[in-house]
Amino acid sequence: MAKLTLTTFVSLDGVMQAPGGTQEDTSGGFACGGWQVPFFADEDMGTFIDEVFDRSGAYLLGRRTYDIFAGYWPRVTDPQDLIAARLNTLPKHVVSTTLTDPAWENTTVVSGDVPAEVARLKERTAEGELQIHGSGTLARSLMAHDLVDEINLLVHPVYLGSGRRLFAEGGQPKAFELLGARTTASGIAIHTYRPAGRARFGDFDAPGS
C-alpha cells in the first residue's frame, strides 16, 4: 500500500493559487499569479523537489494541474531530467468529470466516488509514493477524508493577501506532527508534516497547567 503525499507551494498567508505564471489561474480576480517565479532559481528547493520525485511511484492530479503538466512535461525529453523522466513514464491519475481521452501516456481518469477510488489507488500502488502536486481542490477534499498521509509545504517569503488557500475556512481542526524542516538559500521554508488526529485545546490558567 502506498503513502499518499501532497507537495505544494504556498505563500506566507497560505495562498497556493497560480504560483507559476501570471495567467495560470486568474479565477476570482486573482492578480498575483507567478509569485513563485522570483524564487525559481533556488538550487536548494530544486534538490528537495528532486528528492520528492525520486520517491514517486504514481501521481494523482486535479484537472487544472494535470493540464498544466501535460502541456509542458511531455516536451521535456532529456533522460537526465529526473522530474520529466518520472512524470512521462509513471502512472498518472487525473480526477475529472469531463476528460475522457487523455493524450498523455499512462494516464487514467478518476471519477465517480473519488475518495473510494483514491483509497483503492493507494492499495494498488505497490512501489513508491502516490503523489499529489498542487491540485488544491483535490487536496482539500482528500484531506477532509483523512486520505493524505504526508504534506510537504514549501512556504515562500511573500504575502499575497488574496487567493485560494490550501487550508480553507470551515474545515475540521486537526493536529500535525512535524517530520522534517529545512530552509533554502532564498528563504523558502520547507516543512514536512504528518496528520496526528484531532486538534486539542486548553487554557494556560487551568488548574494543573
N, C-alpha and C. Protein backbone atom coordinates (compact mmCIF):
# COMPACT_ATOMS: atom_id res chain seq x y z
N MET A 1 0.85 -1.20 0.00
CA MET A 1 0.00 0.00 0.00
C MET A 1 0.88 1.24 0.00
N ALA A 2 0.56 2.19 -0.86
CA ALA A 2 1.36 3.40 -0.99
C ALA A 2 0.94 4.47 -0.01
N LYS A 3 1.89 5.29 0.36
CA LYS A 3 1.62 6.50 1.13
C LYS A 3 1.17 7.58 0.15
N LEU A 4 0.10 8.30 0.48
CA LEU A 4 -0.38 9.41 -0.35
C LEU A 4 0.22 10.70 0.19
N THR A 5 1.04 11.35 -0.60
CA THR A 5 1.72 12.56 -0.16
C THR A 5 1.29 13.74 -1.02
N LEU A 6 1.29 14.91 -0.40
CA LEU A 6 0.96 16.16 -1.08
C LEU A 6 2.15 17.09 -0.99
N THR A 7 2.56 17.63 -2.13
CA THR A 7 3.63 18.63 -2.17
C THR A 7 3.08 19.88 -2.83
N THR A 8 3.19 21.02 -2.14
CA THR A 8 2.60 22.22 -2.71
C THR A 8 3.37 23.47 -2.29
N PHE A 9 3.37 24.46 -3.16
CA PHE A 9 3.97 25.75 -2.88
C PHE A 9 2.90 26.67 -2.29
N VAL A 10 3.24 27.37 -1.22
CA VAL A 10 2.30 28.31 -0.61
C VAL A 10 3.02 29.60 -0.25
N SER A 11 2.25 30.68 -0.17
CA SER A 11 2.78 31.96 0.30
C SER A 11 2.74 31.98 1.83
N LEU A 12 3.25 33.05 2.43
CA LEU A 12 3.22 33.16 3.89
C LEU A 12 1.80 33.14 4.43
N ASP A 13 0.84 33.65 3.66
CA ASP A 13 -0.54 33.64 4.12
C ASP A 13 -1.32 32.45 3.56
N GLY A 14 -0.60 31.42 3.13
CA GLY A 14 -1.24 30.16 2.77
C GLY A 14 -1.83 30.06 1.39
N VAL A 15 -1.61 31.05 0.53
CA VAL A 15 -2.18 31.02 -0.82
C VAL A 15 -1.37 30.07 -1.70
N MET A 16 -2.07 29.22 -2.44
CA MET A 16 -1.39 28.30 -3.35
C MET A 16 -1.79 28.52 -4.81
N GLN A 17 -2.65 29.49 -5.06
CA GLN A 17 -3.18 29.71 -6.40
C GLN A 17 -2.13 30.28 -7.34
N ALA A 18 -2.00 29.69 -8.52
CA ALA A 18 -1.22 30.22 -9.65
C ALA A 18 0.20 30.64 -9.27
N PRO A 19 1.02 29.74 -8.74
CA PRO A 19 2.38 30.14 -8.41
C PRO A 19 3.28 30.35 -9.63
N GLY A 20 2.96 29.68 -10.77
CA GLY A 20 3.93 29.62 -11.84
C GLY A 20 3.77 30.58 -13.00
N GLY A 21 2.71 31.39 -13.03
CA GLY A 21 2.55 32.28 -14.17
C GLY A 21 1.43 33.27 -13.97
N THR A 22 1.53 34.43 -14.59
CA THR A 22 0.54 35.49 -14.38
C THR A 22 -0.84 35.11 -14.87
N GLN A 23 -0.91 34.26 -15.89
CA GLN A 23 -2.20 33.86 -16.45
C GLN A 23 -2.55 32.40 -16.13
N GLU A 24 -1.82 31.80 -15.21
CA GLU A 24 -2.05 30.39 -14.88
C GLU A 24 -3.46 30.15 -14.34
N ASP A 25 -3.91 31.03 -13.46
CA ASP A 25 -5.26 30.90 -12.90
C ASP A 25 -5.68 32.25 -12.35
N THR A 26 -6.49 32.96 -13.10
CA THR A 26 -6.95 34.29 -12.67
C THR A 26 -8.36 34.25 -12.11
N SER A 27 -8.89 33.05 -11.85
CA SER A 27 -10.25 32.93 -11.34
C SER A 27 -10.39 33.67 -10.01
N GLY A 28 -11.59 34.22 -9.81
CA GLY A 28 -11.83 35.00 -8.61
C GLY A 28 -11.16 36.36 -8.63
N GLY A 29 -10.68 36.77 -9.81
CA GLY A 29 -9.99 38.05 -9.92
C GLY A 29 -8.57 38.03 -9.38
N PHE A 30 -7.97 36.85 -9.24
CA PHE A 30 -6.62 36.74 -8.69
C PHE A 30 -5.62 37.42 -9.62
N ALA A 31 -4.88 38.39 -9.08
CA ALA A 31 -3.98 39.21 -9.89
C ALA A 31 -2.52 39.03 -9.51
N CYS A 32 -2.21 38.01 -8.71
CA CYS A 32 -0.83 37.83 -8.22
C CYS A 32 -0.19 36.57 -8.77
N GLY A 33 -0.67 36.08 -9.90
CA GLY A 33 -0.10 34.87 -10.48
C GLY A 33 1.37 35.02 -10.80
N GLY A 34 2.10 33.93 -10.64
CA GLY A 34 3.54 33.94 -10.91
C GLY A 34 4.38 34.35 -9.72
N TRP A 35 3.81 34.29 -8.52
CA TRP A 35 4.53 34.77 -7.33
C TRP A 35 5.72 33.90 -6.95
N GLN A 36 5.79 32.68 -7.49
CA GLN A 36 6.94 31.83 -7.19
C GLN A 36 8.15 32.14 -8.07
N VAL A 37 7.93 32.76 -9.21
CA VAL A 37 8.97 32.94 -10.21
C VAL A 37 10.23 33.60 -9.66
N PRO A 38 10.16 34.64 -8.81
CA PRO A 38 11.40 35.24 -8.30
C PRO A 38 12.26 34.29 -7.48
N PHE A 39 11.70 33.17 -7.01
CA PHE A 39 12.45 32.23 -6.19
C PHE A 39 12.85 30.98 -6.98
N PHE A 40 12.58 30.94 -8.29
CA PHE A 40 12.67 29.72 -9.06
C PHE A 40 14.10 29.20 -9.18
N ALA A 41 15.10 30.08 -9.13
CA ALA A 41 16.49 29.65 -9.31
C ALA A 41 17.11 29.08 -8.04
N ASP A 42 16.31 28.85 -7.02
CA ASP A 42 16.81 28.34 -5.75
C ASP A 42 17.23 26.87 -5.90
N GLU A 43 18.54 26.61 -5.85
CA GLU A 43 19.03 25.25 -6.04
C GLU A 43 18.63 24.33 -4.89
N ASP A 44 18.52 24.89 -3.68
CA ASP A 44 18.11 24.06 -2.54
C ASP A 44 16.70 23.52 -2.73
N MET A 45 15.81 24.37 -3.24
CA MET A 45 14.46 23.91 -3.50
C MET A 45 14.46 22.85 -4.59
N GLY A 46 15.27 23.07 -5.62
CA GLY A 46 15.37 22.09 -6.69
C GLY A 46 15.83 20.73 -6.19
N THR A 47 16.78 20.75 -5.26
CA THR A 47 17.27 19.50 -4.68
C THR A 47 16.16 18.78 -3.94
N PHE A 48 15.36 19.54 -3.16
CA PHE A 48 14.26 18.92 -2.43
C PHE A 48 13.23 18.34 -3.37
N ILE A 49 12.87 19.07 -4.41
CA ILE A 49 11.86 18.59 -5.36
C ILE A 49 12.35 17.32 -6.05
N ASP A 50 13.63 17.27 -6.40
CA ASP A 50 14.18 16.04 -6.98
C ASP A 50 14.04 14.87 -6.01
N GLU A 51 14.29 15.12 -4.73
CA GLU A 51 14.16 14.07 -3.73
C GLU A 51 12.72 13.55 -3.68
N VAL A 52 11.76 14.48 -3.75
CA VAL A 52 10.35 14.09 -3.73
C VAL A 52 10.02 13.21 -4.93
N PHE A 53 10.37 13.66 -6.13
CA PHE A 53 10.04 12.90 -7.33
C PHE A 53 10.77 11.57 -7.37
N ASP A 54 11.94 11.50 -6.76
CA ASP A 54 12.68 10.24 -6.74
C ASP A 54 11.96 9.18 -5.92
N ARG A 55 11.04 9.60 -5.03
CA ARG A 55 10.28 8.65 -4.22
C ARG A 55 8.94 8.28 -4.85
N SER A 56 8.62 8.84 -6.00
CA SER A 56 7.29 8.66 -6.58
C SER A 56 7.12 7.29 -7.21
N GLY A 57 5.89 6.80 -7.10
CA GLY A 57 5.51 5.57 -7.78
C GLY A 57 4.35 5.78 -8.74
N ALA A 58 3.57 6.82 -8.47
CA ALA A 58 2.43 7.19 -9.32
C ALA A 58 1.98 8.59 -8.90
N TYR A 59 1.15 9.21 -9.74
CA TYR A 59 0.72 10.59 -9.48
C TYR A 59 -0.80 10.68 -9.53
N LEU A 60 -1.31 11.53 -8.66
CA LEU A 60 -2.74 11.82 -8.59
C LEU A 60 -2.90 13.33 -8.70
N LEU A 61 -3.58 13.80 -9.74
CA LEU A 61 -3.64 15.23 -10.03
C LEU A 61 -5.06 15.70 -10.27
N GLY A 62 -5.32 16.95 -9.89
CA GLY A 62 -6.55 17.60 -10.28
C GLY A 62 -6.48 18.00 -11.74
N ARG A 63 -7.62 18.32 -12.33
CA ARG A 63 -7.66 18.58 -13.77
C ARG A 63 -6.81 19.78 -14.16
N ARG A 64 -6.86 20.86 -13.40
CA ARG A 64 -6.11 22.06 -13.79
C ARG A 64 -4.61 21.78 -13.74
N THR A 65 -4.14 21.16 -12.67
CA THR A 65 -2.71 20.84 -12.56
C THR A 65 -2.30 19.85 -13.65
N TYR A 66 -3.15 18.87 -13.91
CA TYR A 66 -2.85 17.90 -14.96
C TYR A 66 -2.67 18.60 -16.31
N ASP A 67 -3.57 19.51 -16.65
CA ASP A 67 -3.47 20.21 -17.93
C ASP A 67 -2.18 21.02 -18.03
N ILE A 68 -1.78 21.65 -16.91
CA ILE A 68 -0.54 22.42 -16.91
C ILE A 68 0.65 21.48 -17.13
N PHE A 69 0.68 20.38 -16.39
CA PHE A 69 1.77 19.41 -16.52
C PHE A 69 1.80 18.80 -17.92
N ALA A 70 0.63 18.40 -18.41
CA ALA A 70 0.56 17.73 -19.71
C ALA A 70 0.94 18.66 -20.86
N GLY A 71 0.80 19.96 -20.65
CA GLY A 71 1.19 20.92 -21.68
C GLY A 71 2.68 21.20 -21.72
N TYR A 72 3.41 20.73 -20.70
CA TYR A 72 4.84 21.05 -20.63
C TYR A 72 5.74 19.81 -20.61
N TRP A 73 5.49 18.90 -19.65
CA TRP A 73 6.46 17.84 -19.40
C TRP A 73 6.64 16.84 -20.54
N PRO A 74 5.63 16.50 -21.33
CA PRO A 74 5.90 15.58 -22.44
C PRO A 74 6.91 16.12 -23.45
N ARG A 75 7.10 17.43 -23.47
CA ARG A 75 8.06 18.04 -24.40
C ARG A 75 9.48 18.02 -23.87
N VAL A 76 9.65 17.66 -22.58
CA VAL A 76 10.99 17.59 -21.99
C VAL A 76 11.49 16.16 -22.17
N THR A 77 12.44 15.96 -23.07
CA THR A 77 12.88 14.61 -23.44
C THR A 77 14.28 14.29 -22.95
N ASP A 78 14.89 15.18 -22.18
CA ASP A 78 16.22 14.92 -21.64
C ASP A 78 16.15 13.76 -20.65
N PRO A 79 16.82 12.63 -20.91
CA PRO A 79 16.74 11.49 -19.98
C PRO A 79 17.36 11.77 -18.63
N GLN A 80 18.17 12.82 -18.54
CA GLN A 80 18.79 13.18 -17.26
C GLN A 80 17.88 14.05 -16.40
N ASP A 81 16.76 14.49 -16.95
CA ASP A 81 15.81 15.30 -16.19
C ASP A 81 14.94 14.36 -15.37
N LEU A 82 15.20 14.27 -14.07
CA LEU A 82 14.52 13.31 -13.21
C LEU A 82 13.01 13.51 -13.21
N ILE A 83 12.57 14.78 -13.07
CA ILE A 83 11.14 15.04 -12.98
C ILE A 83 10.44 14.63 -14.26
N ALA A 84 10.99 15.02 -15.41
CA ALA A 84 10.37 14.65 -16.68
C ALA A 84 10.35 13.14 -16.86
N ALA A 85 11.45 12.49 -16.53
CA ALA A 85 11.53 11.04 -16.71
C ALA A 85 10.46 10.33 -15.88
N ARG A 86 10.26 10.78 -14.64
CA ARG A 86 9.24 10.16 -13.78
C ARG A 86 7.83 10.47 -14.27
N LEU A 87 7.56 11.74 -14.53
CA LEU A 87 6.21 12.12 -14.93
C LEU A 87 5.80 11.48 -16.26
N ASN A 88 6.73 11.36 -17.18
CA ASN A 88 6.40 10.86 -18.51
C ASN A 88 6.27 9.34 -18.57
N THR A 89 6.76 8.62 -17.56
CA THR A 89 6.72 7.16 -17.62
C THR A 89 5.86 6.51 -16.55
N LEU A 90 5.72 7.12 -15.38
CA LEU A 90 4.97 6.50 -14.30
C LEU A 90 3.46 6.72 -14.48
N PRO A 91 2.64 5.90 -13.84
CA PRO A 91 1.19 6.06 -13.95
C PRO A 91 0.72 7.41 -13.42
N LYS A 92 -0.22 8.01 -14.14
CA LYS A 92 -0.81 9.29 -13.75
C LYS A 92 -2.32 9.10 -13.68
N HIS A 93 -2.92 9.61 -12.63
CA HIS A 93 -4.37 9.52 -12.43
C HIS A 93 -4.89 10.94 -12.28
N VAL A 94 -5.82 11.33 -13.14
CA VAL A 94 -6.36 12.68 -13.11
C VAL A 94 -7.83 12.62 -12.72
N VAL A 95 -8.21 13.42 -11.74
CA VAL A 95 -9.59 13.46 -11.28
C VAL A 95 -10.36 14.45 -12.15
N SER A 96 -11.34 13.96 -12.87
CA SER A 96 -12.09 14.82 -13.79
C SER A 96 -13.43 14.18 -14.13
N THR A 97 -14.43 15.04 -14.32
CA THR A 97 -15.74 14.56 -14.78
C THR A 97 -15.95 14.82 -16.26
N THR A 98 -14.99 15.50 -16.91
CA THR A 98 -15.17 15.86 -18.31
C THR A 98 -14.10 15.26 -19.23
N LEU A 99 -12.91 14.97 -18.70
CA LEU A 99 -11.85 14.41 -19.53
C LEU A 99 -12.15 12.94 -19.79
N THR A 100 -12.14 12.54 -21.05
CA THR A 100 -12.47 11.15 -21.40
C THR A 100 -11.33 10.43 -22.11
N ASP A 101 -10.50 11.16 -22.83
CA ASP A 101 -9.47 10.51 -23.64
C ASP A 101 -8.14 11.25 -23.48
N PRO A 102 -7.48 11.11 -22.33
CA PRO A 102 -6.23 11.85 -22.10
C PRO A 102 -5.13 11.40 -23.05
N ALA A 103 -4.41 12.38 -23.59
CA ALA A 103 -3.37 12.07 -24.58
C ALA A 103 -2.03 11.73 -23.95
N TRP A 104 -1.81 12.18 -22.72
CA TRP A 104 -0.52 11.94 -22.06
C TRP A 104 -0.42 10.46 -21.70
N GLU A 105 0.65 9.85 -22.11
CA GLU A 105 0.85 8.41 -21.92
C GLU A 105 0.72 8.01 -20.45
N ASN A 106 0.14 6.82 -20.22
CA ASN A 106 -0.02 6.24 -18.88
C ASN A 106 -0.93 7.07 -17.98
N THR A 107 -1.95 7.67 -18.57
CA THR A 107 -2.91 8.46 -17.79
C THR A 107 -4.25 7.73 -17.74
N THR A 108 -4.83 7.66 -16.54
CA THR A 108 -6.19 7.16 -16.37
C THR A 108 -7.02 8.24 -15.68
N VAL A 109 -8.32 8.24 -15.95
CA VAL A 109 -9.22 9.23 -15.39
C VAL A 109 -9.94 8.63 -14.18
N VAL A 110 -9.97 9.41 -13.09
CA VAL A 110 -10.67 9.03 -11.87
C VAL A 110 -11.93 9.87 -11.77
N SER A 111 -13.07 9.21 -11.62
CA SER A 111 -14.33 9.93 -11.48
C SER A 111 -15.23 9.14 -10.54
N GLY A 112 -16.47 9.58 -10.40
CA GLY A 112 -17.38 8.87 -9.51
C GLY A 112 -17.08 9.16 -8.05
N ASP A 113 -17.02 8.12 -7.23
CA ASP A 113 -16.73 8.25 -5.81
C ASP A 113 -15.23 8.40 -5.64
N VAL A 114 -14.74 9.64 -5.72
CA VAL A 114 -13.30 9.90 -5.76
C VAL A 114 -12.59 9.40 -4.50
N PRO A 115 -13.07 9.69 -3.28
CA PRO A 115 -12.37 9.17 -2.10
C PRO A 115 -12.21 7.65 -2.11
N ALA A 116 -13.26 6.95 -2.51
CA ALA A 116 -13.17 5.49 -2.57
C ALA A 116 -12.19 5.05 -3.64
N GLU A 117 -12.20 5.72 -4.78
CA GLU A 117 -11.26 5.37 -5.85
C GLU A 117 -9.82 5.64 -5.41
N VAL A 118 -9.60 6.74 -4.71
CA VAL A 118 -8.25 7.06 -4.25
C VAL A 118 -7.78 6.04 -3.22
N ALA A 119 -8.66 5.61 -2.34
CA ALA A 119 -8.30 4.58 -1.37
C ALA A 119 -7.86 3.31 -2.10
N ARG A 120 -8.53 2.98 -3.18
CA ARG A 120 -8.15 1.80 -3.96
C ARG A 120 -6.82 2.03 -4.68
N LEU A 121 -6.58 3.25 -5.16
CA LEU A 121 -5.30 3.55 -5.80
C LEU A 121 -4.15 3.38 -4.82
N LYS A 122 -4.34 3.81 -3.59
CA LYS A 122 -3.31 3.63 -2.57
C LYS A 122 -3.01 2.15 -2.37
N GLU A 123 -4.04 1.34 -2.38
CA GLU A 123 -3.86 -0.10 -2.21
C GLU A 123 -3.12 -0.71 -3.40
N ARG A 124 -3.41 -0.21 -4.62
CA ARG A 124 -2.85 -0.82 -5.82
C ARG A 124 -1.44 -0.33 -6.15
N THR A 125 -1.04 0.80 -5.60
CA THR A 125 0.30 1.32 -5.89
C THR A 125 1.31 0.58 -5.01
N ALA A 126 2.07 -0.31 -5.63
CA ALA A 126 2.90 -1.24 -4.86
C ALA A 126 4.25 -0.64 -4.47
N GLU A 127 4.78 0.25 -5.29
CA GLU A 127 6.11 0.80 -5.03
C GLU A 127 6.06 2.32 -5.09
N GLY A 128 6.80 2.95 -4.18
CA GLY A 128 6.90 4.40 -4.17
C GLY A 128 5.65 5.07 -3.62
N GLU A 129 5.67 6.39 -3.62
CA GLU A 129 4.55 7.18 -3.12
C GLU A 129 3.54 7.45 -4.22
N LEU A 130 2.29 7.52 -3.84
CA LEU A 130 1.26 8.10 -4.69
C LEU A 130 1.26 9.59 -4.37
N GLN A 131 1.63 10.42 -5.34
CA GLN A 131 1.90 11.84 -5.05
C GLN A 131 0.90 12.78 -5.69
N ILE A 132 0.46 13.74 -4.89
CA ILE A 132 -0.32 14.88 -5.37
C ILE A 132 0.63 16.08 -5.43
N HIS A 133 0.59 16.81 -6.53
CA HIS A 133 1.35 18.05 -6.65
C HIS A 133 0.35 19.17 -6.96
N GLY A 134 0.39 20.23 -6.15
CA GLY A 134 -0.59 21.30 -6.33
C GLY A 134 -2.00 20.76 -6.12
N SER A 135 -2.87 20.98 -7.12
CA SER A 135 -4.21 20.36 -7.13
C SER A 135 -4.98 20.68 -5.85
N GLY A 136 -5.16 21.96 -5.58
CA GLY A 136 -5.72 22.40 -4.30
C GLY A 136 -7.10 21.85 -3.99
N THR A 137 -8.02 21.90 -4.95
CA THR A 137 -9.38 21.42 -4.70
C THR A 137 -9.36 19.94 -4.34
N LEU A 138 -8.61 19.16 -5.10
CA LEU A 138 -8.48 17.73 -4.83
C LEU A 138 -7.84 17.49 -3.48
N ALA A 139 -6.77 18.23 -3.17
CA ALA A 139 -6.06 18.04 -1.90
C ALA A 139 -6.97 18.32 -0.72
N ARG A 140 -7.74 19.41 -0.79
CA ARG A 140 -8.63 19.74 0.32
C ARG A 140 -9.68 18.66 0.52
N SER A 141 -10.22 18.12 -0.58
CA SER A 141 -11.23 17.08 -0.48
C SER A 141 -10.66 15.81 0.16
N LEU A 142 -9.46 15.43 -0.24
CA LEU A 142 -8.88 14.19 0.28
C LEU A 142 -8.41 14.34 1.71
N MET A 143 -7.96 15.55 2.08
CA MET A 143 -7.60 15.77 3.49
C MET A 143 -8.83 15.68 4.38
N ALA A 144 -9.96 16.14 3.88
CA ALA A 144 -11.21 16.07 4.65
C ALA A 144 -11.63 14.63 4.89
N HIS A 145 -11.18 13.72 4.02
CA HIS A 145 -11.49 12.29 4.17
C HIS A 145 -10.33 11.52 4.80
N ASP A 146 -9.34 12.24 5.34
CA ASP A 146 -8.20 11.62 6.03
C ASP A 146 -7.43 10.66 5.13
N LEU A 147 -7.30 10.99 3.86
CA LEU A 147 -6.60 10.13 2.92
C LEU A 147 -5.17 10.57 2.64
N VAL A 148 -4.81 11.80 3.02
CA VAL A 148 -3.45 12.29 2.78
C VAL A 148 -2.59 11.93 3.98
N ASP A 149 -1.49 11.23 3.73
CA ASP A 149 -0.64 10.72 4.79
C ASP A 149 0.52 11.65 5.15
N GLU A 150 0.89 12.54 4.23
CA GLU A 150 2.04 13.40 4.48
C GLU A 150 1.94 14.63 3.60
N ILE A 151 2.34 15.78 4.14
CA ILE A 151 2.25 17.04 3.41
C ILE A 151 3.61 17.73 3.41
N ASN A 152 4.09 18.08 2.22
CA ASN A 152 5.29 18.90 2.07
C ASN A 152 4.85 20.32 1.71
N LEU A 153 5.04 21.25 2.63
CA LEU A 153 4.70 22.65 2.38
C LEU A 153 5.97 23.43 2.09
N LEU A 154 6.04 24.04 0.93
CA LEU A 154 7.17 24.90 0.59
C LEU A 154 6.69 26.34 0.71
N VAL A 155 6.96 26.95 1.86
CA VAL A 155 6.42 28.26 2.21
C VAL A 155 7.37 29.35 1.70
N HIS A 156 6.88 30.15 0.77
CA HIS A 156 7.69 31.21 0.15
C HIS A 156 7.54 32.52 0.93
N PRO A 157 8.61 33.29 1.04
CA PRO A 157 8.55 34.53 1.83
C PRO A 157 7.89 35.68 1.07
N VAL A 158 6.60 35.53 0.83
CA VAL A 158 5.83 36.57 0.16
C VAL A 158 4.41 36.53 0.68
N TYR A 159 3.84 37.71 0.91
CA TYR A 159 2.45 37.83 1.36
C TYR A 159 1.62 38.31 0.19
N LEU A 160 0.49 37.64 -0.07
CA LEU A 160 -0.33 37.96 -1.23
C LEU A 160 -1.65 38.63 -0.89
N GLY A 161 -2.24 38.28 0.22
CA GLY A 161 -3.44 38.97 0.66
C GLY A 161 -4.75 38.45 0.10
N SER A 162 -4.69 37.66 -0.96
CA SER A 162 -5.91 37.08 -1.53
C SER A 162 -5.52 35.85 -2.33
N GLY A 163 -6.52 35.07 -2.70
CA GLY A 163 -6.27 33.86 -3.49
C GLY A 163 -6.71 32.62 -2.74
N ARG A 164 -6.82 31.52 -3.47
CA ARG A 164 -7.26 30.26 -2.86
C ARG A 164 -6.15 29.68 -1.99
N ARG A 165 -6.56 29.22 -0.82
CA ARG A 165 -5.61 28.69 0.15
C ARG A 165 -5.73 27.18 0.25
N LEU A 166 -4.65 26.56 0.69
CA LEU A 166 -4.68 25.11 0.87
C LEU A 166 -5.67 24.74 1.97
N PHE A 167 -5.59 25.42 3.10
CA PHE A 167 -6.50 25.14 4.21
C PHE A 167 -7.60 26.19 4.22
N ALA A 168 -8.74 25.81 3.71
CA ALA A 168 -9.86 26.75 3.63
C ALA A 168 -10.55 26.85 4.97
N GLU A 169 -11.29 27.94 5.16
CA GLU A 169 -12.06 28.11 6.39
C GLU A 169 -13.18 27.08 6.47
N GLY A 170 -13.50 26.67 7.70
CA GLY A 170 -14.61 25.77 7.90
C GLY A 170 -14.24 24.30 7.97
N GLY A 171 -12.95 23.98 7.87
CA GLY A 171 -12.54 22.59 7.95
C GLY A 171 -12.50 22.08 9.38
N GLN A 172 -12.39 20.77 9.52
CA GLN A 172 -12.28 20.14 10.83
C GLN A 172 -10.90 20.40 11.41
N PRO A 173 -10.81 20.96 12.64
CA PRO A 173 -9.48 21.21 13.25
C PRO A 173 -8.68 19.91 13.39
N LYS A 174 -7.42 19.94 12.97
CA LYS A 174 -6.57 18.75 13.02
C LYS A 174 -5.18 19.13 13.51
N ALA A 175 -4.53 18.18 14.15
CA ALA A 175 -3.15 18.36 14.59
C ALA A 175 -2.22 17.70 13.58
N PHE A 176 -0.98 18.20 13.52
CA PHE A 176 0.02 17.63 12.62
C PHE A 176 1.33 17.46 13.37
N GLU A 177 2.07 16.45 12.97
CA GLU A 177 3.39 16.19 13.54
C GLU A 177 4.45 16.61 12.53
N LEU A 178 5.43 17.40 12.96
CA LEU A 178 6.50 17.84 12.08
C LEU A 178 7.51 16.71 11.90
N LEU A 179 7.74 16.31 10.65
CA LEU A 179 8.68 15.23 10.35
C LEU A 179 10.03 15.73 9.89
N GLY A 180 10.06 16.93 9.31
CA GLY A 180 11.32 17.46 8.81
C GLY A 180 11.18 18.91 8.45
N ALA A 181 12.30 19.63 8.47
CA ALA A 181 12.29 21.05 8.13
C ALA A 181 13.65 21.47 7.61
N ARG A 182 13.63 22.34 6.63
CA ARG A 182 14.87 22.92 6.12
C ARG A 182 14.53 24.28 5.52
N THR A 183 15.53 25.12 5.38
CA THR A 183 15.34 26.44 4.79
C THR A 183 16.30 26.59 3.63
N THR A 184 15.81 27.11 2.51
CA THR A 184 16.64 27.25 1.33
C THR A 184 17.34 28.61 1.32
N ALA A 185 18.25 28.76 0.38
CA ALA A 185 19.06 29.99 0.30
C ALA A 185 18.20 31.22 0.06
N SER A 186 17.09 31.08 -0.64
CA SER A 186 16.24 32.24 -0.93
C SER A 186 15.16 32.46 0.12
N GLY A 187 15.20 31.66 1.21
CA GLY A 187 14.26 31.87 2.30
C GLY A 187 12.99 31.04 2.25
N ILE A 188 12.94 30.04 1.38
CA ILE A 188 11.78 29.15 1.35
C ILE A 188 11.90 28.17 2.51
N ALA A 189 10.86 28.10 3.33
CA ALA A 189 10.83 27.19 4.47
C ALA A 189 10.08 25.92 4.05
N ILE A 190 10.78 24.80 4.06
CA ILE A 190 10.19 23.53 3.64
C ILE A 190 9.87 22.72 4.89
N HIS A 191 8.59 22.46 5.11
CA HIS A 191 8.14 21.71 6.28
C HIS A 191 7.39 20.47 5.81
N THR A 192 7.69 19.34 6.41
CA THR A 192 7.00 18.10 6.12
C THR A 192 6.21 17.68 7.35
N TYR A 193 4.91 17.47 7.17
CA TYR A 193 4.02 17.16 8.28
C TYR A 193 3.28 15.85 8.04
N ARG A 194 2.90 15.21 9.15
CA ARG A 194 2.05 14.03 9.12
C ARG A 194 0.82 14.31 9.98
N PRO A 195 -0.38 14.01 9.49
CA PRO A 195 -1.58 14.22 10.31
C PRO A 195 -1.48 13.45 11.63
N ALA A 196 -1.93 14.09 12.71
CA ALA A 196 -1.81 13.50 14.05
C ALA A 196 -3.13 13.56 14.81
N GLY A 197 -4.23 13.35 14.12
CA GLY A 197 -5.53 13.29 14.79
C GLY A 197 -6.16 14.66 15.00
N ARG A 198 -7.15 14.69 15.87
CA ARG A 198 -7.87 15.93 16.13
C ARG A 198 -7.00 16.92 16.88
N ALA A 199 -7.19 18.20 16.58
CA ALA A 199 -6.50 19.25 17.33
C ALA A 199 -7.02 19.28 18.76
N ARG A 200 -6.15 19.62 19.70
CA ARG A 200 -6.54 19.71 21.11
C ARG A 200 -6.42 21.15 21.58
N PHE A 201 -7.19 21.51 22.59
CA PHE A 201 -7.25 22.89 23.05
C PHE A 201 -7.22 22.92 24.58
N GLY A 202 -6.87 24.07 25.14
CA GLY A 202 -6.82 24.19 26.59
C GLY A 202 -6.61 25.63 27.00
N ASP A 203 -6.42 25.85 28.30
CA ASP A 203 -6.19 27.18 28.85
C ASP A 203 -4.91 27.15 29.69
N PHE A 204 -4.09 28.19 29.55
CA PHE A 204 -2.84 28.25 30.30
C PHE A 204 -3.11 28.42 31.80
N ASP A 205 -4.25 29.03 32.15
CA ASP A 205 -4.52 29.25 33.57
C ASP A 205 -5.41 28.16 34.18
N ALA A 206 -5.57 27.06 33.48
CA ALA A 206 -6.38 25.97 34.02
C ALA A 206 -5.64 25.28 35.17
N PRO A 207 -6.34 24.73 36.11
CA PRO A 207 -5.70 24.01 37.23
C PRO A 207 -4.76 22.93 36.75
N GLY A 208 -3.55 22.95 37.31
CA GLY A 208 -2.56 21.93 36.94
C GLY A 208 -1.76 22.28 35.71
N SER A 209 -2.03 23.44 35.08
CA SER A 209 -1.28 23.80 33.87
C SER A 209 0.02 24.46 34.23
